[in-house]
Amino acid sequence: KPERPVVMIDEVPWNEFRDHEELKL
């Protein structure tokens, strides 16, 4: 009983963003 289609983004190559300050552990 959809209101509209949904959009998801999954299985992201996180290793490529490791230098982003927001992701540094």
PDBML (XML) file of the C-alpha atoms, coordinates in Angstrom:
<?xml version="1.0" encoding="UTF-8" ?>
<PDBx:datablock datablockName="MODEL"
   xmlns:PDBx="http://pdbml.pdb.org/schema/pdbx-v50.xsd"
   xmlns:xsi="http://www.w3.org/2001/XMLSchema-instance"
   xsi:schemaLocation="http://pdbml.pdb.org/schema/pdbx-v50.xsd pdbx-v50.xsd">
   <PDBx:atom_siteCategory>
      <PDBx:atom_site id="1">
         <PDBx:B_iso_or_equiv>0.00</PDBx:B_iso_or_equiv>
         <PDBx:Cartn_x>0.000</PDBx:Cartn_x>
         <PDBx:Cartn_y>0.000</PDBx:Cartn_y>
         <PDBx:Cartn_z>0.000</PDBx:Cartn_z>
         <PDBx:auth_asym_id>A</PDBx:auth_asym_id>
         <PDBx:auth_atom_id>CA</PDBx:auth_atom_id>
         <PDBx:auth_comp_id>LYS</PDBx:auth_comp_id>
         <PDBx:auth_seq_id>1</PDBx:auth_seq_id>
         <PDBx:group_PDB>ATOM</PDBx:group_PDB>
         <PDBx:label_alt_id xsi:nil="true" />
         <PDBx:label_asym_id>A</PDBx:label_asym_id>
         <PDBx:label_atom_id>CA</PDBx:label_atom_id>
         <PDBx:label_comp_id>LYS</PDBx:label_comp_id>
         <PDBx:label_entity_id>1</PDBx:label_entity_id>
         <PDBx:label_seq_id>1</PDBx:label_seq_id>
         <PDBx:occupancy>1.00</PDBx:occupancy>
         <PDBx:pdbx_PDB_model_num>1</PDBx:pdbx_PDB_model_num>
         <PDBx:type_symbol>C</PDBx:type_symbol>
      </PDBx:atom_site>
      <PDBx:atom_site id="2">
         <PDBx:B_iso_or_equiv>0.00</PDBx:B_iso_or_equiv>
         <PDBx:Cartn_x>2.740</PDBx:Cartn_x>
         <PDBx:Cartn_y>2.413</PDBx:Cartn_y>
         <PDBx:Cartn_z>-1.057</PDBx:Cartn_z>
         <PDBx:auth_asym_id>A</PDBx:auth_asym_id>
         <PDBx:auth_atom_id>CA</PDBx:auth_atom_id>
         <PDBx:auth_comp_id>PRO</PDBx:auth_comp_id>
         <PDBx:auth_seq_id>2</PDBx:auth_seq_id>
         <PDBx:group_PDB>ATOM</PDBx:group_PDB>
         <PDBx:label_alt_id xsi:nil="true" />
         <PDBx:label_asym_id>A</PDBx:label_asym_id>
         <PDBx:label_atom_id>CA</PDBx:label_atom_id>
         <PDBx:label_comp_id>PRO</PDBx:label_comp_id>
         <PDBx:label_entity_id>1</PDBx:label_entity_id>
         <PDBx:label_seq_id>2</PDBx:label_seq_id>
         <PDBx:occupancy>1.00</PDBx:occupancy>
         <PDBx:pdbx_PDB_model_num>1</PDBx:pdbx_PDB_model_num>
         <PDBx:type_symbol>C</PDBx:type_symbol>
      </PDBx:atom_site>
      <PDBx:atom_site id="3">
         <PDBx:B_iso_or_equiv>0.00</PDBx:B_iso_or_equiv>
         <PDBx:Cartn_x>2.663</PDBx:Cartn_x>
         <PDBx:Cartn_y>6.165</PDBx:Cartn_y>
         <PDBx:Cartn_z>-0.664</PDBx:Cartn_z>
         <PDBx:auth_asym_id>A</PDBx:auth_asym_id>
         <PDBx:auth_atom_id>CA</PDBx:auth_atom_id>
         <PDBx:auth_comp_id>GLU</PDBx:auth_comp_id>
         <PDBx:auth_seq_id>3</PDBx:auth_seq_id>
         <PDBx:group_PDB>ATOM</PDBx:group_PDB>
         <PDBx:label_alt_id xsi:nil="true" />
         <PDBx:label_asym_id>A</PDBx:label_asym_id>
         <PDBx:label_atom_id>CA</PDBx:label_atom_id>
         <PDBx:label_comp_id>GLU</PDBx:label_comp_id>
         <PDBx:label_entity_id>1</PDBx:label_entity_id>
         <PDBx:label_seq_id>3</PDBx:label_seq_id>
         <PDBx:occupancy>1.00</PDBx:occupancy>
         <PDBx:pdbx_PDB_model_num>1</PDBx:pdbx_PDB_model_num>
         <PDBx:type_symbol>C</PDBx:type_symbol>
      </PDBx:atom_site>
      <PDBx:atom_site id="4">
         <PDBx:B_iso_or_equiv>0.00</PDBx:B_iso_or_equiv>
         <PDBx:Cartn_x>5.619</PDBx:Cartn_x>
         <PDBx:Cartn_y>6.385</PDBx:Cartn_y>
         <PDBx:Cartn_z>-3.049</PDBx:Cartn_z>
         <PDBx:auth_asym_id>A</PDBx:auth_asym_id>
         <PDBx:auth_atom_id>CA</PDBx:auth_atom_id>
         <PDBx:auth_comp_id>ARG</PDBx:auth_comp_id>
         <PDBx:auth_seq_id>4</PDBx:auth_seq_id>
         <PDBx:group_PDB>ATOM</PDBx:group_PDB>
         <PDBx:label_alt_id xsi:nil="true" />
         <PDBx:label_asym_id>A</PDBx:label_asym_id>
         <PDBx:label_atom_id>CA</PDBx:label_atom_id>
         <PDBx:label_comp_id>ARG</PDBx:label_comp_id>
         <PDBx:label_entity_id>1</PDBx:label_entity_id>
         <PDBx:label_seq_id>4</PDBx:label_seq_id>
         <PDBx:occupancy>1.00</PDBx:occupancy>
         <PDBx:pdbx_PDB_model_num>1</PDBx:pdbx_PDB_model_num>
         <PDBx:type_symbol>C</PDBx:type_symbol>
      </PDBx:atom_site>
      <PDBx:atom_site id="5">
         <PDBx:B_iso_or_equiv>0.00</PDBx:B_iso_or_equiv>
         <PDBx:Cartn_x>8.678</PDBx:Cartn_x>
         <PDBx:Cartn_y>4.273</PDBx:Cartn_y>
         <PDBx:Cartn_z>-3.956</PDBx:Cartn_z>
         <PDBx:auth_asym_id>A</PDBx:auth_asym_id>
         <PDBx:auth_atom_id>CA</PDBx:auth_atom_id>
         <PDBx:auth_comp_id>PRO</PDBx:auth_comp_id>
         <PDBx:auth_seq_id>5</PDBx:auth_seq_id>
         <PDBx:group_PDB>ATOM</PDBx:group_PDB>
         <PDBx:label_alt_id xsi:nil="true" />
         <PDBx:label_asym_id>A</PDBx:label_asym_id>
         <PDBx:label_atom_id>CA</PDBx:label_atom_id>
         <PDBx:label_comp_id>PRO</PDBx:label_comp_id>
         <PDBx:label_entity_id>1</PDBx:label_entity_id>
         <PDBx:label_seq_id>5</PDBx:label_seq_id>
         <PDBx:occupancy>1.00</PDBx:occupancy>
         <PDBx:pdbx_PDB_model_num>1</PDBx:pdbx_PDB_model_num>
         <PDBx:type_symbol>C</PDBx:type_symbol>
      </PDBx:atom_site>
      <PDBx:atom_site id="6">
         <PDBx:B_iso_or_equiv>0.00</PDBx:B_iso_or_equiv>
         <PDBx:Cartn_x>11.545</PDBx:Cartn_x>
         <PDBx:Cartn_y>4.324</PDBx:Cartn_y>
         <PDBx:Cartn_z>-1.457</PDBx:Cartn_z>
         <PDBx:auth_asym_id>A</PDBx:auth_asym_id>
         <PDBx:auth_atom_id>CA</PDBx:auth_atom_id>
         <PDBx:auth_comp_id>VAL</PDBx:auth_comp_id>
         <PDBx:auth_seq_id>6</PDBx:auth_seq_id>
         <PDBx:group_PDB>ATOM</PDBx:group_PDB>
         <PDBx:label_alt_id xsi:nil="true" />
         <PDBx:label_asym_id>A</PDBx:label_asym_id>
         <PDBx:label_atom_id>CA</PDBx:label_atom_id>
         <PDBx:label_comp_id>VAL</PDBx:label_comp_id>
         <PDBx:label_entity_id>1</PDBx:label_entity_id>
         <PDBx:label_seq_id>6</PDBx:label_seq_id>
         <PDBx:occupancy>1.00</PDBx:occupancy>
         <PDBx:pdbx_PDB_model_num>1</PDBx:pdbx_PDB_model_num>
         <PDBx:type_symbol>C</PDBx:type_symbol>
      </PDBx:atom_site>
      <PDBx:atom_site id="7">
         <PDBx:B_iso_or_equiv>0.00</PDBx:B_iso_or_equiv>
         <PDBx:Cartn_x>15.248</PDBx:Cartn_x>
         <PDBx:Cartn_y>4.707</PDBx:Cartn_y>
         <PDBx:Cartn_z>-2.223</PDBx:Cartn_z>
         <PDBx:auth_asym_id>A</PDBx:auth_asym_id>
         <PDBx:auth_atom_id>CA</PDBx:auth_atom_id>
         <PDBx:auth_comp_id>VAL</PDBx:auth_comp_id>
         <PDBx:auth_seq_id>7</PDBx:auth_seq_id>
         <PDBx:group_PDB>ATOM</PDBx:group_PDB>
         <PDBx:label_alt_id xsi:nil="true" />
         <PDBx:label_asym_id>A</PDBx:label_asym_id>
         <PDBx:label_atom_id>CA</PDBx:label_atom_id>
         <PDBx:label_comp_id>VAL</PDBx:label_comp_id>
         <PDBx:label_entity_id>1</PDBx:label_entity_id>
         <PDBx:label_seq_id>7</PDBx:label_seq_id>
         <PDBx:occupancy>1.00</PDBx:occupancy>
         <PDBx:pdbx_PDB_model_num>1</PDBx:pdbx_PDB_model_num>
         <PDBx:type_symbol>C</PDBx:type_symbol>
      </PDBx:atom_site>
      <PDBx:atom_site id="8">
         <PDBx:B_iso_or_equiv>0.00</PDBx:B_iso_or_equiv>
         <PDBx:Cartn_x>18.065</PDBx:Cartn_x>
         <PDBx:Cartn_y>3.063</PDBx:Cartn_y>
         <PDBx:Cartn_z>-0.280</PDBx:Cartn_z>
         <PDBx:auth_asym_id>A</PDBx:auth_asym_id>
         <PDBx:auth_atom_id>CA</PDBx:auth_atom_id>
         <PDBx:auth_comp_id>MET</PDBx:auth_comp_id>
         <PDBx:auth_seq_id>8</PDBx:auth_seq_id>
         <PDBx:group_PDB>ATOM</PDBx:group_PDB>
         <PDBx:label_alt_id xsi:nil="true" />
         <PDBx:label_asym_id>A</PDBx:label_asym_id>
         <PDBx:label_atom_id>CA</PDBx:label_atom_id>
         <PDBx:label_comp_id>MET</PDBx:label_comp_id>
         <PDBx:label_entity_id>1</PDBx:label_entity_id>
         <PDBx:label_seq_id>8</PDBx:label_seq_id>
         <PDBx:occupancy>1.00</PDBx:occupancy>
         <PDBx:pdbx_PDB_model_num>1</PDBx:pdbx_PDB_model_num>
         <PDBx:type_symbol>C</PDBx:type_symbol>
      </PDBx:atom_site>
      <PDBx:atom_site id="9">
         <PDBx:B_iso_or_equiv>0.00</PDBx:B_iso_or_equiv>
         <PDBx:Cartn_x>21.847</PDBx:Cartn_x>
         <PDBx:Cartn_y>3.031</PDBx:Cartn_y>
         <PDBx:Cartn_z>-0.637</PDBx:Cartn_z>
         <PDBx:auth_asym_id>A</PDBx:auth_asym_id>
         <PDBx:auth_atom_id>CA</PDBx:auth_atom_id>
         <PDBx:auth_comp_id>ILE</PDBx:auth_comp_id>
         <PDBx:auth_seq_id>9</PDBx:auth_seq_id>
         <PDBx:group_PDB>ATOM</PDBx:group_PDB>
         <PDBx:label_alt_id xsi:nil="true" />
         <PDBx:label_asym_id>A</PDBx:label_asym_id>
         <PDBx:label_atom_id>CA</PDBx:label_atom_id>
         <PDBx:label_comp_id>ILE</PDBx:label_comp_id>
         <PDBx:label_entity_id>1</PDBx:label_entity_id>
         <PDBx:label_seq_id>9</PDBx:label_seq_id>
         <PDBx:occupancy>1.00</PDBx:occupancy>
         <PDBx:pdbx_PDB_model_num>1</PDBx:pdbx_PDB_model_num>
         <PDBx:type_symbol>C</PDBx:type_symbol>
      </PDBx:atom_site>
      <PDBx:atom_site id="10">
         <PDBx:B_iso_or_equiv>0.00</PDBx:B_iso_or_equiv>
         <PDBx:Cartn_x>23.624</PDBx:Cartn_x>
         <PDBx:Cartn_y>-0.006</PDBx:Cartn_y>
         <PDBx:Cartn_z>0.795</PDBx:Cartn_z>
         <PDBx:auth_asym_id>A</PDBx:auth_asym_id>
         <PDBx:auth_atom_id>CA</PDBx:auth_atom_id>
         <PDBx:auth_comp_id>ASP</PDBx:auth_comp_id>
         <PDBx:auth_seq_id>10</PDBx:auth_seq_id>
         <PDBx:group_PDB>ATOM</PDBx:group_PDB>
         <PDBx:label_alt_id xsi:nil="true" />
         <PDBx:label_asym_id>A</PDBx:label_asym_id>
         <PDBx:label_atom_id>CA</PDBx:label_atom_id>
         <PDBx:label_comp_id>ASP</PDBx:label_comp_id>
         <PDBx:label_entity_id>1</PDBx:label_entity_id>
         <PDBx:label_seq_id>10</PDBx:label_seq_id>
         <PDBx:occupancy>1.00</PDBx:occupancy>
         <PDBx:pdbx_PDB_model_num>1</PDBx:pdbx_PDB_model_num>
         <PDBx:type_symbol>C</PDBx:type_symbol>
      </PDBx:atom_site>
      <PDBx:atom_site id="11">
         <PDBx:B_iso_or_equiv>0.00</PDBx:B_iso_or_equiv>
         <PDBx:Cartn_x>26.955</PDBx:Cartn_x>
         <PDBx:Cartn_y>-1.855</PDBx:Cartn_y>
         <PDBx:Cartn_z>0.585</PDBx:Cartn_z>
         <PDBx:auth_asym_id>A</PDBx:auth_asym_id>
         <PDBx:auth_atom_id>CA</PDBx:auth_atom_id>
         <PDBx:auth_comp_id>GLU</PDBx:auth_comp_id>
         <PDBx:auth_seq_id>11</PDBx:auth_seq_id>
         <PDBx:group_PDB>ATOM</PDBx:group_PDB>
         <PDBx:label_alt_id xsi:nil="true" />
         <PDBx:label_asym_id>A</PDBx:label_asym_id>
         <PDBx:label_atom_id>CA</PDBx:label_atom_id>
         <PDBx:label_comp_id>GLU</PDBx:label_comp_id>
         <PDBx:label_entity_id>1</PDBx:label_entity_id>
         <PDBx:label_seq_id>11</PDBx:label_seq_id>
         <PDBx:occupancy>1.00</PDBx:occupancy>
         <PDBx:pdbx_PDB_model_num>1</PDBx:pdbx_PDB_model_num>
         <PDBx:type_symbol>C</PDBx:type_symbol>
      </PDBx:atom_site>
      <PDBx:atom_site id="12">
         <PDBx:B_iso_or_equiv>0.00</PDBx:B_iso_or_equiv>
         <PDBx:Cartn_x>28.961</PDBx:Cartn_x>
         <PDBx:Cartn_y>1.358</PDBx:Cartn_y>
         <PDBx:Cartn_z>0.336</PDBx:Cartn_z>
         <PDBx:auth_asym_id>A</PDBx:auth_asym_id>
         <PDBx:auth_atom_id>CA</PDBx:auth_atom_id>
         <PDBx:auth_comp_id>VAL</PDBx:auth_comp_id>
         <PDBx:auth_seq_id>12</PDBx:auth_seq_id>
         <PDBx:group_PDB>ATOM</PDBx:group_PDB>
         <PDBx:label_alt_id xsi:nil="true" />
         <PDBx:label_asym_id>A</PDBx:label_asym_id>
         <PDBx:label_atom_id>CA</PDBx:label_atom_id>
         <PDBx:label_comp_id>VAL</PDBx:label_comp_id>
         <PDBx:label_entity_id>1</PDBx:label_entity_id>
         <PDBx:label_seq_id>12</PDBx:label_seq_id>
         <PDBx:occupancy>1.00</PDBx:occupancy>
         <PDBx:pdbx_PDB_model_num>1</PDBx:pdbx_PDB_model_num>
         <PDBx:type_symbol>C</PDBx:type_symbol>
      </PDBx:atom_site>
      <PDBx:atom_site id="13">
         <PDBx:B_iso_or_equiv>0.00</PDBx:B_iso_or_equiv>
         <PDBx:Cartn_x>32.758</PDBx:Cartn_x>
         <PDBx:Cartn_y>1.091</PDBx:Cartn_y>
         <PDBx:Cartn_z>-0.255</PDBx:Cartn_z>
         <PDBx:auth_asym_id>A</PDBx:auth_asym_id>
         <PDBx:auth_atom_id>CA</PDBx:auth_atom_id>
         <PDBx:auth_comp_id>PRO</PDBx:auth_comp_id>
         <PDBx:auth_seq_id>13</PDBx:auth_seq_id>
         <PDBx:group_PDB>ATOM</PDBx:group_PDB>
         <PDBx:label_alt_id xsi:nil="true" />
         <PDBx:label_asym_id>A</PDBx:label_asym_id>
         <PDBx:label_atom_id>CA</PDBx:label_atom_id>
         <PDBx:label_comp_id>PRO</PDBx:label_comp_id>
         <PDBx:label_entity_id>1</PDBx:label_entity_id>
         <PDBx:label_seq_id>13</PDBx:label_seq_id>
         <PDBx:occupancy>1.00</PDBx:occupancy>
         <PDBx:pdbx_PDB_model_num>1</PDBx:pdbx_PDB_model_num>
         <PDBx:type_symbol>C</PDBx:type_symbol>
      </PDBx:atom_site>
      <PDBx:atom_site id="14">
         <PDBx:B_iso_or_equiv>0.00</PDBx:B_iso_or_equiv>
         <PDBx:Cartn_x>33.561</PDBx:Cartn_x>
         <PDBx:Cartn_y>2.660</PDBx:Cartn_y>
         <PDBx:Cartn_z>3.096</PDBx:Cartn_z>
         <PDBx:auth_asym_id>A</PDBx:auth_asym_id>
         <PDBx:auth_atom_id>CA</PDBx:auth_atom_id>
         <PDBx:auth_comp_id>TRP</PDBx:auth_comp_id>
         <PDBx:auth_seq_id>14</PDBx:auth_seq_id>
         <PDBx:group_PDB>ATOM</PDBx:group_PDB>
         <PDBx:label_alt_id xsi:nil="true" />
         <PDBx:label_asym_id>A</PDBx:label_asym_id>
         <PDBx:label_atom_id>CA</PDBx:label_atom_id>
         <PDBx:label_comp_id>TRP</PDBx:label_comp_id>
         <PDBx:label_entity_id>1</PDBx:label_entity_id>
         <PDBx:label_seq_id>14</PDBx:label_seq_id>
         <PDBx:occupancy>1.00</PDBx:occupancy>
         <PDBx:pdbx_PDB_model_num>1</PDBx:pdbx_PDB_model_num>
         <PDBx:type_symbol>C</PDBx:type_symbol>
      </PDBx:atom_site>
      <PDBx:atom_site id="15">
         <PDBx:B_iso_or_equiv>0.00</PDBx:B_iso_or_equiv>
         <PDBx:Cartn_x>37.270</PDBx:Cartn_x>
         <PDBx:Cartn_y>2.015</PDBx:Cartn_y>
         <PDBx:Cartn_z>2.690</PDBx:Cartn_z>
         <PDBx:auth_asym_id>A</PDBx:auth_asym_id>
         <PDBx:auth_atom_id>CA</PDBx:auth_atom_id>
         <PDBx:auth_comp_id>ASN</PDBx:auth_comp_id>
         <PDBx:auth_seq_id>15</PDBx:auth_seq_id>
         <PDBx:group_PDB>ATOM</PDBx:group_PDB>
         <PDBx:label_alt_id xsi:nil="true" />
         <PDBx:label_asym_id>A</PDBx:label_asym_id>
         <PDBx:label_atom_id>CA</PDBx:label_atom_id>
         <PDBx:label_comp_id>ASN</PDBx:label_comp_id>
         <PDBx:label_entity_id>1</PDBx:label_entity_id>
         <PDBx:label_seq_id>15</PDBx:label_seq_id>
         <PDBx:occupancy>1.00</PDBx:occupancy>
         <PDBx:pdbx_PDB_model_num>1</PDBx:pdbx_PDB_model_num>
         <PDBx:type_symbol>C</PDBx:type_symbol>
      </PDBx:atom_site>
      <PDBx:atom_site id="16">
         <PDBx:B_iso_or_equiv>0.00</PDBx:B_iso_or_equiv>
         <PDBx:Cartn_x>37.345</PDBx:Cartn_x>
         <PDBx:Cartn_y>4.750</PDBx:Cartn_y>
         <PDBx:Cartn_z>0.059</PDBx:Cartn_z>
         <PDBx:auth_asym_id>A</PDBx:auth_asym_id>
         <PDBx:auth_atom_id>CA</PDBx:auth_atom_id>
         <PDBx:auth_comp_id>GLU</PDBx:auth_comp_id>
         <PDBx:auth_seq_id>16</PDBx:auth_seq_id>
         <PDBx:group_PDB>ATOM</PDBx:group_PDB>
         <PDBx:label_alt_id xsi:nil="true" />
         <PDBx:label_asym_id>A</PDBx:label_asym_id>
         <PDBx:label_atom_id>CA</PDBx:label_atom_id>
         <PDBx:label_comp_id>GLU</PDBx:label_comp_id>
         <PDBx:label_entity_id>1</PDBx:label_entity_id>
         <PDBx:label_seq_id>16</PDBx:label_seq_id>
         <PDBx:occupancy>1.00</PDBx:occupancy>
         <PDBx:pdbx_PDB_model_num>1</PDBx:pdbx_PDB_model_num>
         <PDBx:type_symbol>C</PDBx:type_symbol>
      </PDBx:atom_site>
      <PDBx:atom_site id="17">
         <PDBx:B_iso_or_equiv>0.00</PDBx:B_iso_or_equiv>
         <PDBx:Cartn_x>36.149</PDBx:Cartn_x>
         <PDBx:Cartn_y>7.352</PDBx:Cartn_y>
         <PDBx:Cartn_z>2.559</PDBx:Cartn_z>
         <PDBx:auth_asym_id>A</PDBx:auth_asym_id>
         <PDBx:auth_atom_id>CA</PDBx:auth_atom_id>
         <PDBx:auth_comp_id>PHE</PDBx:auth_comp_id>
         <PDBx:auth_seq_id>17</PDBx:auth_seq_id>
         <PDBx:group_PDB>ATOM</PDBx:group_PDB>
         <PDBx:label_alt_id xsi:nil="true" />
         <PDBx:label_asym_id>A</PDBx:label_asym_id>
         <PDBx:label_atom_id>CA</PDBx:label_atom_id>
         <PDBx:label_comp_id>PHE</PDBx:label_comp_id>
         <PDBx:label_entity_id>1</PDBx:label_entity_id>
         <PDBx:label_seq_id>17</PDBx:label_seq_id>
         <PDBx:occupancy>1.00</PDBx:occupancy>
         <PDBx:pdbx_PDB_model_num>1</PDBx:pdbx_PDB_model_num>
         <PDBx:type_symbol>C</PDBx:type_symbol>
      </PDBx:atom_site>
      <PDBx:atom_site id="18">
         <PDBx:B_iso_or_equiv>0.00</PDBx:B_iso_or_equiv>
         <PDBx:Cartn_x>38.449</PDBx:Cartn_x>
         <PDBx:Cartn_y>6.492</PDBx:Cartn_y>
         <PDBx:Cartn_z>5.443</PDBx:Cartn_z>
         <PDBx:auth_asym_id>A</PDBx:auth_asym_id>
         <PDBx:auth_atom_id>CA</PDBx:auth_atom_id>
         <PDBx:auth_comp_id>ARG</PDBx:auth_comp_id>
         <PDBx:auth_seq_id>18</PDBx:auth_seq_id>
         <PDBx:group_PDB>ATOM</PDBx:group_PDB>
         <PDBx:label_alt_id xsi:nil="true" />
         <PDBx:label_asym_id>A</PDBx:label_asym_id>
         <PDBx:label_atom_id>CA</PDBx:label_atom_id>
         <PDBx:label_comp_id>ARG</PDBx:label_comp_id>
         <PDBx:label_entity_id>1</PDBx:label_entity_id>
         <PDBx:label_seq_id>18</PDBx:label_seq_id>
         <PDBx:occupancy>1.00</PDBx:occupancy>
         <PDBx:pdbx_PDB_model_num>1</PDBx:pdbx_PDB_model_num>
         <PDBx:type_symbol>C</PDBx:type_symbol>
      </PDBx:atom_site>
      <PDBx:atom_site id="19">
         <PDBx:B_iso_or_equiv>0.00</PDBx:B_iso_or_equiv>
         <PDBx:Cartn_x>40.321</PDBx:Cartn_x>
         <PDBx:Cartn_y>9.800</PDBx:Cartn_y>
         <PDBx:Cartn_z>5.187</PDBx:Cartn_z>
         <PDBx:auth_asym_id>A</PDBx:auth_asym_id>
         <PDBx:auth_atom_id>CA</PDBx:auth_atom_id>
         <PDBx:auth_comp_id>ASP</PDBx:auth_comp_id>
         <PDBx:auth_seq_id>19</PDBx:auth_seq_id>
         <PDBx:group_PDB>ATOM</PDBx:group_PDB>
         <PDBx:label_alt_id xsi:nil="true" />
         <PDBx:label_asym_id>A</PDBx:label_asym_id>
         <PDBx:label_atom_id>CA</PDBx:label_atom_id>
         <PDBx:label_comp_id>ASP</PDBx:label_comp_id>
         <PDBx:label_entity_id>1</PDBx:label_entity_id>
         <PDBx:label_seq_id>19</PDBx:label_seq_id>
         <PDBx:occupancy>1.00</PDBx:occupancy>
         <PDBx:pdbx_PDB_model_num>1</PDBx:pdbx_PDB_model_num>
         <PDBx:type_symbol>C</PDBx:type_symbol>
      </PDBx:atom_site>
      <PDBx:atom_site id="20">
         <PDBx:B_iso_or_equiv>0.00</PDBx:B_iso_or_equiv>
         <PDBx:Cartn_x>37.168</PDBx:Cartn_x>
         <PDBx:Cartn_y>11.784</PDBx:Cartn_y>
         <PDBx:Cartn_z>5.921</PDBx:Cartn_z>
         <PDBx:auth_asym_id>A</PDBx:auth_asym_id>
         <PDBx:auth_atom_id>CA</PDBx:auth_atom_id>
         <PDBx:auth_comp_id>HIS</PDBx:auth_comp_id>
         <PDBx:auth_seq_id>20</PDBx:auth_seq_id>
         <PDBx:group_PDB>ATOM</PDBx:group_PDB>
         <PDBx:label_alt_id xsi:nil="true" />
         <PDBx:label_asym_id>A</PDBx:label_asym_id>
         <PDBx:label_atom_id>CA</PDBx:label_atom_id>
         <PDBx:label_comp_id>HIS</PDBx:label_comp_id>
         <PDBx:label_entity_id>1</PDBx:label_entity_id>
         <PDBx:label_seq_id>20</PDBx:label_seq_id>
         <PDBx:occupancy>1.00</PDBx:occupancy>
         <PDBx:pdbx_PDB_model_num>1</PDBx:pdbx_PDB_model_num>
         <PDBx:type_symbol>C</PDBx:type_symbol>
      </PDBx:atom_site>
      <PDBx:atom_site id="21">
         <PDBx:B_iso_or_equiv>0.00</PDBx:B_iso_or_equiv>
         <PDBx:Cartn_x>37.544</PDBx:Cartn_x>
         <PDBx:Cartn_y>13.286</PDBx:Cartn_y>
         <PDBx:Cartn_z>9.372</PDBx:Cartn_z>
         <PDBx:auth_asym_id>A</PDBx:auth_asym_id>
         <PDBx:auth_atom_id>CA</PDBx:auth_atom_id>
         <PDBx:auth_comp_id>GLU</PDBx:auth_comp_id>
         <PDBx:auth_seq_id>21</PDBx:auth_seq_id>
         <PDBx:group_PDB>ATOM</PDBx:group_PDB>
         <PDBx:label_alt_id xsi:nil="true" />
         <PDBx:label_asym_id>A</PDBx:label_asym_id>
         <PDBx:label_atom_id>CA</PDBx:label_atom_id>
         <PDBx:label_comp_id>GLU</PDBx:label_comp_id>
         <PDBx:label_entity_id>1</PDBx:label_entity_id>
         <PDBx:label_seq_id>21</PDBx:label_seq_id>
         <PDBx:occupancy>1.00</PDBx:occupancy>
         <PDBx:pdbx_PDB_model_num>1</PDBx:pdbx_PDB_model_num>
         <PDBx:type_symbol>C</PDBx:type_symbol>
      </PDBx:atom_site>
      <PDBx:atom_site id="22">
         <PDBx:B_iso_or_equiv>0.00</PDBx:B_iso_or_equiv>
         <PDBx:Cartn_x>33.952</PDBx:Cartn_x>
         <PDBx:Cartn_y>12.352</PDBx:Cartn_y>
         <PDBx:Cartn_z>10.211</PDBx:Cartn_z>
         <PDBx:auth_asym_id>A</PDBx:auth_asym_id>
         <PDBx:auth_atom_id>CA</PDBx:auth_atom_id>
         <PDBx:auth_comp_id>GLU</PDBx:auth_comp_id>
         <PDBx:auth_seq_id>22</PDBx:auth_seq_id>
         <PDBx:group_PDB>ATOM</PDBx:group_PDB>
         <PDBx:label_alt_id xsi:nil="true" />
         <PDBx:label_asym_id>A</PDBx:label_asym_id>
         <PDBx:label_atom_id>CA</PDBx:label_atom_id>
         <PDBx:label_comp_id>GLU</PDBx:label_comp_id>
         <PDBx:label_entity_id>1</PDBx:label_entity_id>
         <PDBx:label_seq_id>22</PDBx:label_seq_id>
         <PDBx:occupancy>1.00</PDBx:occupancy>
         <PDBx:pdbx_PDB_model_num>1</PDBx:pdbx_PDB_model_num>
         <PDBx:type_symbol>C</PDBx:type_symbol>
      </PDBx:atom_site>
      <PDBx:atom_site id="23">
         <PDBx:B_iso_or_equiv>0.00</PDBx:B_iso_or_equiv>
         <PDBx:Cartn_x>34.754</PDBx:Cartn_x>
         <PDBx:Cartn_y>8.637</PDBx:Cartn_y>
         <PDBx:Cartn_z>9.830</PDBx:Cartn_z>
         <PDBx:auth_asym_id>A</PDBx:auth_asym_id>
         <PDBx:auth_atom_id>CA</PDBx:auth_atom_id>
         <PDBx:auth_comp_id>LEU</PDBx:auth_comp_id>
         <PDBx:auth_seq_id>23</PDBx:auth_seq_id>
         <PDBx:group_PDB>ATOM</PDBx:group_PDB>
         <PDBx:label_alt_id xsi:nil="true" />
         <PDBx:label_asym_id>A</PDBx:label_asym_id>
         <PDBx:label_atom_id>CA</PDBx:label_atom_id>
         <PDBx:label_comp_id>LEU</PDBx:label_comp_id>
         <PDBx:label_entity_id>1</PDBx:label_entity_id>
         <PDBx:label_seq_id>23</PDBx:label_seq_id>
         <PDBx:occupancy>1.00</PDBx:occupancy>
         <PDBx:pdbx_PDB_model_num>1</PDBx:pdbx_PDB_model_num>
         <PDBx:type_symbol>C</PDBx:type_symbol>
      </PDBx:atom_site>
      <PDBx:atom_site id="24">
         <PDBx:B_iso_or_equiv>0.00</PDBx:B_iso_or_equiv>
         <PDBx:Cartn_x>38.078</PDBx:Cartn_x>
         <PDBx:Cartn_y>8.429</PDBx:Cartn_y>
         <PDBx:Cartn_z>11.690</PDBx:Cartn_z>
         <PDBx:auth_asym_id>A</PDBx:auth_asym_id>
         <PDBx:auth_atom_id>CA</PDBx:auth_atom_id>
         <PDBx:auth_comp_id>LYS</PDBx:auth_comp_id>
         <PDBx:auth_seq_id>24</PDBx:auth_seq_id>
         <PDBx:group_PDB>ATOM</PDBx:group_PDB>
         <PDBx:label_alt_id xsi:nil="true" />
         <PDBx:label_asym_id>A</PDBx:label_asym_id>
         <PDBx:label_atom_id>CA</PDBx:label_atom_id>
         <PDBx:label_comp_id>LYS</PDBx:label_comp_id>
         <PDBx:label_entity_id>1</PDBx:label_entity_id>
         <PDBx:label_seq_id>24</PDBx:label_seq_id>
         <PDBx:occupancy>1.00</PDBx:occupancy>
         <PDBx:pdbx_PDB_model_num>1</PDBx:pdbx_PDB_model_num>
         <PDBx:type_symbol>C</PDBx:type_symbol>
      </PDBx:atom_site>
      <PDBx:atom_site id="25">
         <PDBx:B_iso_or_equiv>0.00</PDBx:B_iso_or_equiv>
         <PDBx:Cartn_x>37.758</PDBx:Cartn_x>
         <PDBx:Cartn_y>6.199</PDBx:Cartn_y>
         <PDBx:Cartn_z>14.752</PDBx:Cartn_z>
         <PDBx:auth_asym_id>A</PDBx:auth_asym_id>
         <PDBx:auth_atom_id>CA</PDBx:auth_atom_id>
         <PDBx:auth_comp_id>LEU</PDBx:auth_comp_id>
         <PDBx:auth_seq_id>25</PDBx:auth_seq_id>
         <PDBx:group_PDB>ATOM</PDBx:group_PDB>
         <PDBx:label_alt_id xsi:nil="true" />
         <PDBx:label_asym_id>A</PDBx:label_asym_id>
         <PDBx:label_atom_id>CA</PDBx:label_atom_id>
         <PDBx:label_comp_id>LEU</PDBx:label_comp_id>
         <PDBx:label_entity_id>1</PDBx:label_entity_id>
         <PDBx:label_seq_id>25</PDBx:label_seq_id>
         <PDBx:occupancy>1.00</PDBx:occupancy>
         <PDBx:pdbx_PDB_model_num>1</PDBx:pdbx_PDB_model_num>
         <PDBx:type_symbol>C</PDBx:type_symbol>
      </PDBx:atom_site>
   </PDBx:atom_siteCategory>
</PDBx:datablock>
